Amino acid sequence: MRFSRVSHRALLWPVLLLALANSCQSAPDPQPKPKALWAMSYPDPVPVLHQTQWFTMSYNRAALLTPLSQGRFVWYYPALKADVWVNYLPLDPAESEDWKRGVQDVEDKVALHQDHASAILVQPYENPEKSVYGAIYEIQGNAASQAHFYLTDRHKHLLHGALYFRAKPQYDSLMPAAQYVLRDLRDLTESLTWK
């Protein structure tokens, strides 16, 4: 039996053609790596009592409370770069519709964020024993504000405010911090007592 000699070059061509055919398959489109976000940890809230001539409430010690003027103040969360602007309005008890106009003003401010919001969730609150009625509006999406709220006794008092971050609104990255502040707003709501 005789073996024929096959040249190495003759074997090389089919191997190269096979490799070339396999390399022509479409590769998946390259995808950019997502931006990494810092993992944030938040301290447990420690309540601090705040009293004015109109009401008493508690707020989280992680926030720095700064009075701005009569009935206006801001909480600043340095670690979150977040501000909660709060405004107190005395109502005219003789004017029965005064509180409704104040609530409508808050709802109008919330409506300004509809174009950039993916959802607006309303959390109503009622405590008839303390005469505290209100709502917290959680604004989801890339809106300028992540929350608005109001509290009233429907007679003499209206307290309202809004949460803003000192950053470009990117809801995915702001959501954990917004949820932390929203919990503080719920605590404020439950602790509020009118004078």
N, C-alpha and C. Protein backbone atom coordinates (compact mmCIF):
# COMPACT_ATOMS: atom_id res chain seq x y z
N MET A 1 0.84 -1.16 0.00
CA MET A 1 0.00 0.00 0.00
C MET A 1 0.89 1.23 0.00
N ARG A 2 0.47 2.14 -0.79
CA ARG A 2 1.30 3.31 -0.94
C ARG A 2 0.52 4.53 -0.49
N PHE A 3 1.14 5.37 0.30
CA PHE A 3 0.52 6.62 0.75
C PHE A 3 0.93 7.73 -0.18
N SER A 4 -0.06 8.51 -0.52
CA SER A 4 0.27 9.65 -1.34
C SER A 4 0.65 10.82 -0.44
N ARG A 5 1.48 11.58 -0.92
CA ARG A 5 1.91 12.76 -0.15
C ARG A 5 1.02 13.93 -0.49
N VAL A 6 0.44 14.51 0.55
CA VAL A 6 -0.39 15.69 0.37
C VAL A 6 0.42 16.86 0.90
N SER A 7 0.45 17.89 0.13
CA SER A 7 1.24 19.04 0.56
C SER A 7 0.52 19.77 1.69
N HIS A 8 1.31 20.37 2.53
CA HIS A 8 0.75 21.15 3.64
C HIS A 8 -0.05 22.34 3.13
N ARG A 9 0.33 22.83 2.02
CA ARG A 9 -0.38 23.98 1.44
C ARG A 9 -1.77 23.56 0.99
N ALA A 10 -1.92 22.41 0.52
CA ALA A 10 -3.23 21.94 0.08
C ALA A 10 -4.20 21.81 1.26
N LEU A 11 -3.69 21.44 2.42
CA LEU A 11 -4.53 21.34 3.61
C LEU A 11 -4.82 22.72 4.22
N LEU A 12 -3.92 23.62 4.02
CA LEU A 12 -4.06 24.94 4.61
C LEU A 12 -5.23 25.73 4.03
N TRP A 13 -5.47 25.63 2.73
CA TRP A 13 -6.54 26.39 2.09
C TRP A 13 -7.93 26.03 2.61
N PRO A 14 -8.30 24.78 2.73
CA PRO A 14 -9.64 24.48 3.27
C PRO A 14 -9.81 24.94 4.72
N VAL A 15 -8.76 24.86 5.51
CA VAL A 15 -8.84 25.30 6.90
C VAL A 15 -9.04 26.81 6.96
N LEU A 16 -8.33 27.55 6.13
CA LEU A 16 -8.48 29.00 6.09
C LEU A 16 -9.88 29.40 5.60
N LEU A 17 -10.40 28.71 4.58
CA LEU A 17 -11.74 29.03 4.09
C LEU A 17 -12.80 28.74 5.15
N LEU A 18 -12.64 27.65 5.87
CA LEU A 18 -13.58 27.31 6.94
C LEU A 18 -13.53 28.36 8.06
N ALA A 19 -12.35 28.81 8.45
CA ALA A 19 -12.20 29.84 9.49
C ALA A 19 -12.80 31.16 9.02
N LEU A 20 -12.59 31.50 7.75
CA LEU A 20 -13.14 32.73 7.22
C LEU A 20 -14.67 32.69 7.19
N ALA A 21 -15.24 31.58 6.82
CA ALA A 21 -16.70 31.44 6.79
C ALA A 21 -17.29 31.57 8.19
N ASN A 22 -16.65 31.01 9.18
CA ASN A 22 -17.15 31.12 10.56
C ASN A 22 -16.99 32.52 11.11
N SER A 23 -16.00 33.25 10.68
CA SER A 23 -15.78 34.60 11.21
C SER A 23 -16.72 35.62 10.61
N CYS A 24 -17.43 35.28 9.55
CA CYS A 24 -18.34 36.23 8.90
C CYS A 24 -19.71 36.28 9.55
N GLN A 25 -19.93 35.48 10.55
CA GLN A 25 -21.21 35.55 11.24
C GLN A 25 -21.33 36.91 11.92
N SER A 26 -22.57 37.42 11.99
CA SER A 26 -22.76 38.75 12.57
C SER A 26 -22.54 38.70 14.09
N ALA A 27 -21.75 39.62 14.54
CA ALA A 27 -21.47 39.75 15.97
C ALA A 27 -22.52 40.65 16.60
N PRO A 28 -22.81 40.47 17.89
CA PRO A 28 -23.78 41.37 18.52
C PRO A 28 -23.25 42.80 18.54
N ASP A 29 -24.19 43.73 18.46
CA ASP A 29 -23.80 45.14 18.48
C ASP A 29 -23.11 45.44 19.81
N PRO A 30 -22.03 46.23 19.76
CA PRO A 30 -21.37 46.57 21.02
C PRO A 30 -22.27 47.47 21.87
N GLN A 31 -22.29 47.25 23.16
CA GLN A 31 -23.11 48.01 24.09
C GLN A 31 -22.21 48.74 25.07
N PRO A 32 -22.50 50.01 25.33
CA PRO A 32 -21.69 50.72 26.33
C PRO A 32 -21.96 50.17 27.72
N LYS A 33 -20.96 50.23 28.55
CA LYS A 33 -21.15 49.81 29.93
C LYS A 33 -22.01 50.84 30.65
N PRO A 34 -22.95 50.39 31.50
CA PRO A 34 -23.75 51.38 32.24
C PRO A 34 -22.88 52.12 33.24
N LYS A 35 -23.28 53.37 33.50
CA LYS A 35 -22.55 54.16 34.49
C LYS A 35 -22.78 53.55 35.87
N ALA A 36 -21.75 53.49 36.62
CA ALA A 36 -21.87 52.96 37.99
C ALA A 36 -22.38 54.06 38.90
N LEU A 37 -23.24 53.69 39.83
CA LEU A 37 -23.78 54.64 40.79
C LEU A 37 -23.28 54.26 42.18
N TRP A 38 -23.11 55.26 43.03
CA TRP A 38 -22.66 55.01 44.38
C TRP A 38 -23.74 54.26 45.16
N ALA A 39 -23.32 53.30 45.92
CA ALA A 39 -24.26 52.62 46.82
C ALA A 39 -24.40 53.50 48.06
N MET A 40 -25.61 53.98 48.27
CA MET A 40 -25.85 54.90 49.38
C MET A 40 -26.38 54.13 50.58
N SER A 41 -25.92 54.50 51.74
CA SER A 41 -26.50 53.97 52.98
C SER A 41 -27.03 55.16 53.76
N TYR A 42 -28.17 54.97 54.38
CA TYR A 42 -28.84 56.05 55.07
C TYR A 42 -28.98 55.73 56.55
N PRO A 43 -28.72 56.70 57.40
CA PRO A 43 -28.86 56.44 58.84
C PRO A 43 -30.33 56.32 59.22
N ASP A 44 -30.58 55.57 60.27
CA ASP A 44 -31.95 55.50 60.79
C ASP A 44 -32.35 56.90 61.25
N PRO A 45 -33.59 57.31 60.96
CA PRO A 45 -34.01 58.65 61.36
C PRO A 45 -34.09 58.80 62.88
N VAL A 46 -33.59 59.93 63.34
CA VAL A 46 -33.69 60.29 64.76
C VAL A 46 -34.55 61.54 64.83
N PRO A 47 -35.76 61.46 65.44
CA PRO A 47 -36.65 62.61 65.44
C PRO A 47 -36.17 63.74 66.34
N VAL A 48 -36.36 64.96 65.85
CA VAL A 48 -36.06 66.19 66.59
C VAL A 48 -37.34 67.02 66.59
N LEU A 49 -37.71 67.55 67.74
CA LEU A 49 -38.94 68.33 67.85
C LEU A 49 -38.71 69.76 67.35
N HIS A 50 -39.66 70.26 66.58
CA HIS A 50 -39.61 71.64 66.08
C HIS A 50 -40.94 72.30 66.44
N GLN A 51 -40.87 73.46 67.10
CA GLN A 51 -42.08 74.17 67.51
C GLN A 51 -42.10 75.55 66.89
N THR A 52 -43.27 75.94 66.45
CA THR A 52 -43.50 77.31 66.00
C THR A 52 -44.70 77.83 66.78
N GLN A 53 -45.10 79.04 66.49
CA GLN A 53 -46.27 79.58 67.17
C GLN A 53 -47.56 78.96 66.64
N TRP A 54 -47.50 78.22 65.51
CA TRP A 54 -48.70 77.64 64.90
C TRP A 54 -48.80 76.12 65.04
N PHE A 55 -47.66 75.45 65.13
CA PHE A 55 -47.68 73.99 65.14
C PHE A 55 -46.42 73.43 65.80
N THR A 56 -46.50 72.14 66.11
CA THR A 56 -45.36 71.37 66.61
C THR A 56 -45.23 70.14 65.71
N MET A 57 -44.01 69.78 65.37
CA MET A 57 -43.77 68.61 64.52
C MET A 57 -42.38 68.08 64.81
N SER A 58 -42.10 66.90 64.32
CA SER A 58 -40.74 66.37 64.42
C SER A 58 -40.18 66.20 63.02
N TYR A 59 -38.85 66.26 62.94
CA TYR A 59 -38.15 66.04 61.67
C TYR A 59 -36.90 65.24 61.96
N ASN A 60 -36.27 64.74 60.93
CA ASN A 60 -35.10 63.88 61.04
C ASN A 60 -33.85 64.72 61.37
N ARG A 61 -33.08 64.27 62.35
CA ARG A 61 -31.87 64.98 62.74
C ARG A 61 -30.84 65.03 61.61
N ALA A 62 -30.96 64.14 60.62
CA ALA A 62 -30.03 64.16 59.48
C ALA A 62 -30.20 65.41 58.63
N ALA A 63 -31.32 66.10 58.81
CA ALA A 63 -31.59 67.33 58.06
C ALA A 63 -31.29 68.54 58.93
N LEU A 64 -30.76 69.57 58.31
CA LEU A 64 -30.50 70.83 59.00
C LEU A 64 -31.66 71.77 58.73
N LEU A 65 -32.34 72.20 59.77
CA LEU A 65 -33.49 73.09 59.61
C LEU A 65 -33.02 74.54 59.66
N THR A 66 -33.37 75.30 58.63
CA THR A 66 -33.00 76.71 58.55
C THR A 66 -34.26 77.56 58.39
N PRO A 67 -34.58 78.41 59.38
CA PRO A 67 -35.72 79.32 59.20
C PRO A 67 -35.37 80.36 58.14
N LEU A 68 -36.32 80.66 57.27
CA LEU A 68 -36.09 81.64 56.21
C LEU A 68 -36.80 82.96 56.52
N SER A 69 -38.03 82.87 56.94
CA SER A 69 -38.81 84.05 57.30
C SER A 69 -39.99 83.55 58.12
N GLN A 70 -40.87 84.45 58.46
CA GLN A 70 -42.05 84.09 59.26
C GLN A 70 -42.84 82.99 58.55
N GLY A 71 -42.84 81.78 59.11
CA GLY A 71 -43.62 80.68 58.56
C GLY A 71 -42.95 79.92 57.44
N ARG A 72 -41.72 80.27 57.07
CA ARG A 72 -41.01 79.57 55.99
C ARG A 72 -39.69 79.03 56.53
N PHE A 73 -39.39 77.79 56.15
CA PHE A 73 -38.10 77.20 56.52
C PHE A 73 -37.75 76.11 55.51
N VAL A 74 -36.50 75.68 55.56
CA VAL A 74 -36.02 74.63 54.66
C VAL A 74 -35.24 73.61 55.48
N TRP A 75 -35.45 72.35 55.16
CA TRP A 75 -34.59 71.29 55.69
C TRP A 75 -33.58 70.99 54.61
N TYR A 76 -32.34 70.94 54.98
CA TYR A 76 -31.29 70.57 54.02
C TYR A 76 -30.65 69.28 54.49
N TYR A 77 -30.62 68.28 53.62
CA TYR A 77 -29.97 67.00 53.88
C TYR A 77 -28.60 67.04 53.21
N PRO A 78 -27.52 67.36 53.95
CA PRO A 78 -26.21 67.50 53.32
C PRO A 78 -25.74 66.23 52.61
N ALA A 79 -25.97 65.07 53.21
CA ALA A 79 -25.50 63.82 52.61
C ALA A 79 -26.25 63.50 51.32
N LEU A 80 -27.48 63.97 51.18
CA LEU A 80 -28.29 63.67 50.01
C LEU A 80 -28.34 64.80 49.00
N LYS A 81 -27.86 65.97 49.41
CA LYS A 81 -27.97 67.18 48.60
C LYS A 81 -29.43 67.42 48.22
N ALA A 82 -30.27 67.37 49.26
CA ALA A 82 -31.71 67.52 49.08
C ALA A 82 -32.24 68.62 49.98
N ASP A 83 -33.23 69.35 49.49
CA ASP A 83 -33.90 70.41 50.24
C ASP A 83 -35.39 70.12 50.29
N VAL A 84 -35.99 70.30 51.45
CA VAL A 84 -37.44 70.28 51.58
C VAL A 84 -37.83 71.70 51.99
N TRP A 85 -38.48 72.39 51.06
CA TRP A 85 -38.93 73.77 51.29
C TRP A 85 -40.32 73.71 51.89
N VAL A 86 -40.52 74.36 53.04
CA VAL A 86 -41.79 74.29 53.76
C VAL A 86 -42.30 75.71 53.98
N ASN A 87 -43.61 75.87 53.80
CA ASN A 87 -44.24 77.17 53.94
C ASN A 87 -45.53 77.01 54.74
N TYR A 88 -45.69 77.84 55.76
CA TYR A 88 -46.91 77.84 56.56
C TYR A 88 -47.76 79.04 56.14
N LEU A 89 -49.05 78.80 55.93
CA LEU A 89 -49.98 79.89 55.60
C LEU A 89 -51.11 79.91 56.62
N PRO A 90 -51.30 81.03 57.33
CA PRO A 90 -52.47 81.13 58.20
C PRO A 90 -53.71 81.33 57.32
N LEU A 91 -54.78 80.64 57.67
CA LEU A 91 -56.01 80.75 56.90
C LEU A 91 -57.00 81.65 57.63
N ASP A 92 -57.91 82.23 56.89
CA ASP A 92 -58.95 83.08 57.45
C ASP A 92 -60.13 82.19 57.85
N PRO A 93 -60.37 82.00 59.16
CA PRO A 93 -61.47 81.12 59.58
C PRO A 93 -62.84 81.59 59.08
N ALA A 94 -62.97 82.88 58.81
CA ALA A 94 -64.25 83.39 58.31
C ALA A 94 -64.47 83.01 56.85
N GLU A 95 -63.39 82.70 56.16
CA GLU A 95 -63.46 82.33 54.74
C GLU A 95 -63.42 80.82 54.63
N SER A 96 -64.57 80.18 54.48
CA SER A 96 -64.65 78.71 54.54
C SER A 96 -63.95 78.01 53.37
N GLU A 97 -63.75 78.70 52.26
CA GLU A 97 -63.12 78.09 51.09
C GLU A 97 -61.62 78.38 51.02
N ASP A 98 -61.06 79.07 52.00
CA ASP A 98 -59.65 79.47 51.99
C ASP A 98 -58.72 78.27 51.89
N TRP A 99 -58.98 77.23 52.68
CA TRP A 99 -58.11 76.05 52.66
C TRP A 99 -58.19 75.32 51.33
N LYS A 100 -59.36 75.33 50.68
CA LYS A 100 -59.49 74.66 49.38
C LYS A 100 -58.65 75.35 48.31
N ARG A 101 -58.61 76.69 48.37
CA ARG A 101 -57.76 77.43 47.42
C ARG A 101 -56.29 77.10 47.65
N GLY A 102 -55.89 76.98 48.93
CA GLY A 102 -54.50 76.61 49.23
C GLY A 102 -54.15 75.22 48.72
N VAL A 103 -55.05 74.27 48.90
CA VAL A 103 -54.83 72.91 48.40
C VAL A 103 -54.78 72.91 46.88
N GLN A 104 -55.66 73.67 46.25
CA GLN A 104 -55.66 73.75 44.79
C GLN A 104 -54.34 74.32 44.28
N ASP A 105 -53.77 75.29 45.00
CA ASP A 105 -52.48 75.86 44.63
C ASP A 105 -51.38 74.79 44.67
N VAL A 106 -51.40 73.95 45.69
CA VAL A 106 -50.42 72.85 45.79
C VAL A 106 -50.62 71.88 44.63
N GLU A 107 -51.86 71.52 44.34
CA GLU A 107 -52.13 70.59 43.24
C GLU A 107 -51.72 71.17 41.89
N ASP A 108 -51.86 72.49 41.73
CA ASP A 108 -51.40 73.15 40.50
C ASP A 108 -49.89 73.05 40.37
N LYS A 109 -49.17 73.19 41.48
CA LYS A 109 -47.71 73.06 41.46
C LYS A 109 -47.30 71.63 41.10
N VAL A 110 -48.03 70.65 41.61
CA VAL A 110 -47.74 69.25 41.27
C VAL A 110 -47.98 69.03 39.78
N ALA A 111 -49.04 69.60 39.24
CA ALA A 111 -49.38 69.42 37.83
C ALA A 111 -48.29 69.96 36.90
N LEU A 112 -47.51 70.93 37.36
CA LEU A 112 -46.43 71.47 36.53
C LEU A 112 -45.37 70.41 36.21
N HIS A 113 -45.31 69.34 37.00
CA HIS A 113 -44.30 68.30 36.80
C HIS A 113 -44.79 67.13 35.95
N GLN A 114 -46.04 67.19 35.47
CA GLN A 114 -46.61 66.06 34.74
C GLN A 114 -45.86 65.72 33.46
N ASP A 115 -45.33 66.71 32.77
CA ASP A 115 -44.65 66.44 31.50
C ASP A 115 -43.42 65.57 31.66
N HIS A 116 -42.73 65.70 32.80
CA HIS A 116 -41.49 64.94 33.01
C HIS A 116 -41.68 63.77 33.96
N ALA A 117 -42.86 63.62 34.52
CA ALA A 117 -43.11 62.55 35.49
C ALA A 117 -43.60 61.30 34.77
N SER A 118 -43.15 60.14 35.23
CA SER A 118 -43.69 58.89 34.70
C SER A 118 -44.93 58.48 35.48
N ALA A 119 -45.05 58.96 36.73
CA ALA A 119 -46.24 58.70 37.56
C ALA A 119 -46.25 59.68 38.72
N ILE A 120 -47.45 60.01 39.17
CA ILE A 120 -47.62 60.83 40.37
C ILE A 120 -48.54 60.05 41.31
N LEU A 121 -47.99 59.62 42.44
CA LEU A 121 -48.74 58.82 43.40
C LEU A 121 -49.20 59.71 44.54
N VAL A 122 -50.47 59.64 44.88
CA VAL A 122 -51.03 60.45 45.95
C VAL A 122 -51.26 59.57 47.17
N GLN A 123 -50.73 60.01 48.32
CA GLN A 123 -50.94 59.30 49.58
C GLN A 123 -51.73 60.23 50.50
N PRO A 124 -53.07 60.07 50.53
CA PRO A 124 -53.88 60.94 51.40
C PRO A 124 -53.65 60.62 52.87
N TYR A 125 -53.88 61.61 53.72
CA TYR A 125 -53.71 61.43 55.16
C TYR A 125 -54.86 62.12 55.88
N GLU A 126 -55.43 61.43 56.88
CA GLU A 126 -56.47 62.02 57.71
C GLU A 126 -56.28 61.58 59.15
N ASN A 127 -56.32 62.55 60.06
CA ASN A 127 -56.32 62.27 61.49
C ASN A 127 -57.32 63.23 62.13
N PRO A 128 -58.61 62.82 62.16
CA PRO A 128 -59.64 63.72 62.70
C PRO A 128 -59.42 64.09 64.16
N GLU A 129 -58.80 63.21 64.94
CA GLU A 129 -58.56 63.52 66.36
C GLU A 129 -57.65 64.73 66.53
N LYS A 130 -56.67 64.87 65.63
CA LYS A 130 -55.74 66.00 65.70
C LYS A 130 -56.09 67.09 64.68
N SER A 131 -57.17 66.91 63.94
CA SER A 131 -57.58 67.84 62.87
C SER A 131 -56.45 68.07 61.87
N VAL A 132 -55.84 66.98 61.42
CA VAL A 132 -54.79 67.06 60.41
C VAL A 132 -55.26 66.27 59.19
N TYR A 133 -55.35 66.97 58.06
CA TYR A 133 -55.77 66.37 56.80
C TYR A 133 -54.76 66.81 55.74
N GLY A 134 -54.45 65.92 54.83
CA GLY A 134 -53.51 66.31 53.81
C GLY A 134 -53.19 65.20 52.84
N ALA A 135 -52.09 65.38 52.12
CA ALA A 135 -51.65 64.40 51.15
C ALA A 135 -50.17 64.62 50.83
N ILE A 136 -49.52 63.53 50.47
CA ILE A 136 -48.15 63.57 49.96
C ILE A 136 -48.22 63.10 48.52
N TYR A 137 -47.65 63.89 47.61
CA TYR A 137 -47.61 63.56 46.20
C TYR A 137 -46.20 63.10 45.86
N GLU A 138 -46.04 61.82 45.57
CA GLU A 138 -44.74 61.28 45.16
C GLU A 138 -44.65 61.38 43.65
N ILE A 139 -43.66 62.11 43.17
CA ILE A 139 -43.51 62.35 41.73
C ILE A 139 -42.37 61.46 41.22
N GLN A 140 -42.72 60.47 40.42
CA GLN A 140 -41.73 59.55 39.87
C GLN A 140 -41.34 60.00 38.48
N GLY A 141 -40.10 59.77 38.12
CA GLY A 141 -39.61 60.18 36.81
C GLY A 141 -38.59 61.30 36.95
N ASN A 142 -38.19 61.86 35.83
CA ASN A 142 -37.15 62.88 35.81
C ASN A 142 -37.71 64.29 35.95
N ALA A 143 -38.59 64.47 36.90
CA ALA A 143 -39.18 65.78 37.18
C ALA A 143 -38.25 66.59 38.07
N ALA A 144 -38.45 67.89 38.11
CA ALA A 144 -37.60 68.76 38.93
C ALA A 144 -37.79 68.51 40.42
N SER A 145 -38.99 68.12 40.83
CA SER A 145 -39.28 67.85 42.24
C SER A 145 -39.73 66.40 42.36
N GLN A 146 -39.33 65.75 43.45
CA GLN A 146 -39.72 64.35 43.66
C GLN A 146 -40.92 64.21 44.58
N ALA A 147 -41.33 65.29 45.25
CA ALA A 147 -42.49 65.20 46.15
C ALA A 147 -43.02 66.59 46.48
N HIS A 148 -44.32 66.65 46.73
CA HIS A 148 -45.00 67.83 47.27
C HIS A 148 -45.93 67.31 48.35
N PHE A 149 -46.27 68.17 49.29
CA PHE A 149 -47.21 67.76 50.32
C PHE A 149 -47.96 68.98 50.85
N TYR A 150 -49.11 68.70 51.47
CA TYR A 150 -49.82 69.74 52.20
C TYR A 150 -50.49 69.11 53.41
N LEU A 151 -50.65 69.91 54.46
CA LEU A 151 -51.36 69.52 55.68
C LEU A 151 -52.20 70.71 56.12
N THR A 152 -53.44 70.46 56.52
CA THR A 152 -54.33 71.53 56.93
C THR A 152 -55.30 71.03 57.99
N ASP A 153 -55.88 71.98 58.73
CA ASP A 153 -56.97 71.62 59.65
C ASP A 153 -58.31 72.00 59.05
N ARG A 154 -58.28 72.51 57.80
CA ARG A 154 -59.47 72.94 57.05
C ARG A 154 -60.18 74.12 57.71
N HIS A 155 -59.40 74.87 58.50
CA HIS A 155 -60.02 75.99 59.21
C HIS A 155 -59.06 77.19 59.33
N LYS A 156 -57.92 76.99 60.04
CA LYS A 156 -57.00 78.10 60.30
C LYS A 156 -55.58 77.88 59.79
N HIS A 157 -55.19 76.64 59.47
CA HIS A 157 -53.78 76.34 59.18
C HIS A 157 -53.62 75.61 57.84
N LEU A 158 -52.54 75.95 57.14
CA LEU A 158 -52.13 75.20 55.94
C LEU A 158 -50.60 75.19 55.91
N LEU A 159 -50.05 74.00 55.86
CA LEU A 159 -48.60 73.80 55.77
C LEU A 159 -48.35 73.03 54.48
N HIS A 160 -47.47 73.52 53.64
CA HIS A 160 -47.17 72.79 52.40
C HIS A 160 -45.69 72.91 52.08
N GLY A 161 -45.22 71.98 51.26
CA GLY A 161 -43.81 71.99 50.92
C GLY A 161 -43.49 71.11 49.73
N ALA A 162 -42.21 71.12 49.35
CA ALA A 162 -41.75 70.36 48.19
C ALA A 162 -40.32 69.91 48.40
N LEU A 163 -39.99 68.78 47.80
CA LEU A 163 -38.66 68.19 47.86
C LEU A 163 -37.94 68.43 46.55
N TYR A 164 -36.72 68.99 46.64
CA TYR A 164 -35.87 69.20 45.46
C TYR A 164 -34.48 68.68 45.76
N PHE A 165 -33.83 68.13 44.74
CA PHE A 165 -32.44 67.70 44.86
C PHE A 165 -31.55 68.68 44.13
N ARG A 166 -30.36 68.88 44.66
CA ARG A 166 -29.38 69.77 44.02
C ARG A 166 -28.58 68.98 43.00
N ALA A 167 -29.28 68.37 42.06
CA ALA A 167 -28.66 67.54 41.04
C ALA A 167 -29.60 67.49 39.84
N LYS A 168 -29.04 67.12 38.70
CA LYS A 168 -29.86 66.92 37.51
C LYS A 168 -30.85 65.79 37.80
N PRO A 169 -32.13 65.98 37.48
CA PRO A 169 -33.10 64.94 37.82
C PRO A 169 -32.91 63.66 37.00
N GLN A 170 -32.40 62.64 37.62
CA GLN A 170 -32.30 61.29 37.05
C GLN A 170 -32.92 60.36 38.08
N TYR A 171 -34.17 60.01 37.85
CA TYR A 171 -34.96 59.33 38.87
C TYR A 171 -34.33 58.03 39.35
N ASP A 172 -33.73 57.27 38.45
CA ASP A 172 -33.14 55.99 38.87
C ASP A 172 -32.08 56.17 39.94
N SER A 173 -31.29 57.22 39.82
CA SER A 173 -30.24 57.43 40.81
C SER A 173 -30.75 58.19 42.04
N LEU A 174 -31.80 59.00 41.88
CA LEU A 174 -32.34 59.77 43.01
C LEU A 174 -33.37 59.00 43.83
N MET A 175 -33.92 57.92 43.27
CA MET A 175 -35.03 57.24 43.92
C MET A 175 -34.74 56.78 45.36
N PRO A 176 -33.60 56.15 45.65
CA PRO A 176 -33.37 55.74 47.05
C PRO A 176 -33.35 56.92 48.02
N ALA A 177 -32.73 58.02 47.62
CA ALA A 177 -32.69 59.21 48.49
C ALA A 177 -34.09 59.82 48.61
N ALA A 178 -34.84 59.83 47.51
CA ALA A 178 -36.20 60.37 47.55
C ALA A 178 -37.08 59.55 48.48
N GLN A 179 -36.93 58.23 48.45
CA GLN A 179 -37.72 57.37 49.34
C GLN A 179 -37.37 57.63 50.81
N TYR A 180 -36.10 57.89 51.08
CA TYR A 180 -35.66 58.20 52.44
C TYR A 180 -36.34 59.48 52.95
N VAL A 181 -36.36 60.52 52.11
CA VAL A 181 -36.98 61.79 52.51
C VAL A 181 -38.50 61.64 52.58
N LEU A 182 -39.09 60.87 51.69
CA LEU A 182 -40.54 60.64 51.75
C LEU A 182 -40.94 59.98 53.06
N ARG A 183 -40.11 59.09 53.57
CA ARG A 183 -40.39 58.49 54.88
C ARG A 183 -40.38 59.57 55.96
N ASP A 184 -39.44 60.52 55.87
CA ASP A 184 -39.41 61.63 56.81
C ASP A 184 -40.66 62.50 56.70
N LEU A 185 -41.15 62.70 55.47
CA LEU A 185 -42.37 63.49 55.28
C LEU A 185 -43.58 62.79 55.90
N ARG A 186 -43.62 61.47 55.80
CA ARG A 186 -44.71 60.73 56.44
C ARG A 186 -44.61 60.86 57.96
N ASP A 187 -43.37 60.83 58.50
CA ASP A 187 -43.19 61.01 59.95
C ASP A 187 -43.62 62.41 60.38
N LEU A 188 -43.28 63.41 59.58
CA LEU A 188 -43.72 64.79 59.88
C LEU A 188 -45.24 64.84 59.92
N THR A 189 -45.88 64.24 58.93
CA THR A 189 -47.33 64.25 58.84
C THR A 189 -47.96 63.65 60.09
N GLU A 190 -47.42 62.53 60.55
CA GLU A 190 -47.99 61.85 61.71
C GLU A 190 -47.68 62.57 63.02
N SER A 191 -46.61 63.34 63.05
CA SER A 191 -46.24 64.02 64.30
C SER A 191 -46.84 65.42 64.43
N LEU A 192 -47.40 65.96 63.36
CA LEU A 192 -47.87 67.35 63.37
C LEU A 192 -49.04 67.55 64.35
N THR A 193 -48.93 68.60 65.14
CA THR A 193 -50.00 69.02 66.04
C THR A 193 -50.18 70.53 65.90
N TRP A 194 -51.41 70.97 65.67
CA TRP A 194 -51.69 72.40 65.55
C TRP A 194 -51.77 73.04 66.93
N LYS A 195 -51.46 74.33 67.01
CA LYS A 195 -51.60 75.08 68.27
C LYS A 195 -52.82 75.98 68.19
